């Protein structure tokens, strides 16, 4: 009988779903949706990092840490753009 996955191993699917939803929202022309997309991307980055850490997928961990920085940049730039409107 195979061992059941730990709860961290189950994070792969929510991480994937959050990444897809975030990509959809970030492409929106509506500022609120774009902002939500960046926040969801940050959540997906955290999920991917947790999943990658337990699996020893260090390139995935590093990639998502770097992507988190770009998502924070997206949040900052979108907030600044919203203040100019």
Protein backbone atom coordinates (compact mmCIF):
# COMPACT_ATOMS: atom_id res chain seq x y z
CA UNK A 1 0.00 0.00 0.00
CA UNK A 2 1.37 3.40 -0.99
CA UNK A 3 1.97 6.08 1.61
CA UNK A 4 -0.51 8.92 1.68
CA UNK A 5 0.90 12.32 0.74
CA UNK A 6 1.48 14.84 3.49
CA UNK A 7 -0.66 17.98 3.56
CA UNK A 8 2.20 19.98 2.00
CA UNK A 9 2.26 17.66 -1.00
CA UNK A 10 -1.38 18.57 -1.69
CA UNK A 11 -0.42 22.24 -2.22
CA UNK A 12 0.59 21.59 -5.82
CA UNK A 13 -2.99 21.73 -7.16
CA UNK A 14 -4.15 24.88 -5.34
CA UNK A 15 -0.86 26.54 -6.36
CA UNK A 16 -1.54 25.69 -10.00
CA UNK A 17 -5.15 26.90 -9.83
CA UNK A 18 -4.14 30.14 -8.09
CA UNK A 19 -1.45 30.77 -10.73
CA UNK A 20 -3.97 30.38 -13.56
CA UNK A 21 -6.56 32.60 -11.88
CA UNK A 22 -3.94 35.25 -11.13
CA UNK A 23 -2.70 35.29 -14.72
CA UNK A 24 -6.27 35.77 -15.93
CA UNK A 25 -6.85 38.67 -13.52
CA UNK A 26 -3.54 40.42 -14.16
CA UNK A 27 -4.42 40.64 -17.86
CA UNK A 28 -7.59 42.59 -17.04
CA UNK A 29 -8.10 46.21 -18.02
CA UNK A 30 -9.86 46.79 -14.67
CA UNK A 31 -7.39 48.02 -12.03
CA UNK A 32 -9.10 46.18 -9.15
CA UNK A 33 -8.90 42.86 -10.97
CA UNK A 34 -5.25 43.43 -11.83
CA UNK A 35 -4.48 44.20 -8.20
CA UNK A 36 -6.34 41.08 -7.05
CA UNK A 37 -4.33 39.10 -9.59
CA UNK A 38 -1.03 40.29 -8.14
CA UNK A 39 -2.14 39.37 -4.61
CA UNK A 40 -3.29 35.94 -5.78
CA UNK A 41 0.04 35.53 -7.57
CA UNK A 42 1.78 36.23 -4.24
CA UNK A 43 -0.33 33.55 -2.58
CA UNK A 44 0.50 31.11 -5.37
CA UNK A 45 4.20 31.95 -5.00
CA UNK A 46 3.98 31.06 -1.30
CA UNK A 47 2.21 27.79 -2.13
CA UNK A 48 4.79 26.87 -4.78
CA UNK A 49 7.63 27.70 -2.40
CA UNK A 50 6.13 25.50 0.33
CA UNK A 51 5.54 22.67 -2.11
CA UNK A 52 8.98 23.01 -3.72
CA UNK A 53 10.71 23.15 -0.34
CA UNK A 54 9.25 19.86 0.85
CA UNK A 55 10.06 18.25 -2.51
CA UNK A 56 13.59 19.64 -2.68
CA UNK A 57 12.76 21.49 -5.91
CA UNK A 58 15.20 24.33 -5.29
CA UNK A 59 14.93 25.86 -8.76
CA UNK A 60 11.15 26.11 -8.28
CA UNK A 61 11.66 27.71 -4.85
CA UNK A 62 14.13 30.22 -6.27
CA UNK A 63 11.93 30.98 -9.28
CA UNK A 64 8.90 31.68 -7.11
CA UNK A 65 10.88 33.83 -4.68
CA UNK A 66 12.00 35.95 -7.67
CA UNK A 67 8.48 36.01 -9.10
CA UNK A 68 7.17 37.18 -5.71
CA UNK A 69 9.49 40.20 -6.00
CA UNK A 70 8.07 40.99 -9.45
CA UNK A 71 4.53 40.65 -8.09
CA UNK A 72 5.29 43.09 -5.27
CA UNK A 73 6.61 45.45 -7.96
CA UNK A 74 3.33 45.01 -9.87
CA UNK A 75 1.34 45.88 -6.76
CA UNK A 76 3.42 49.00 -6.11
CA UNK A 77 3.19 50.15 -9.74
CA UNK A 78 -0.57 49.56 -9.87
CA UNK A 79 -1.13 51.43 -6.62
CA UNK A 80 0.94 54.35 -7.94
CA UNK A 81 -1.02 54.35 -11.21
CA UNK A 82 -4.29 54.35 -9.29
CA UNK A 83 -3.27 57.44 -7.33
CA UNK A 84 -2.59 59.36 -10.56
CA UNK A 85 -6.07 58.73 -11.95
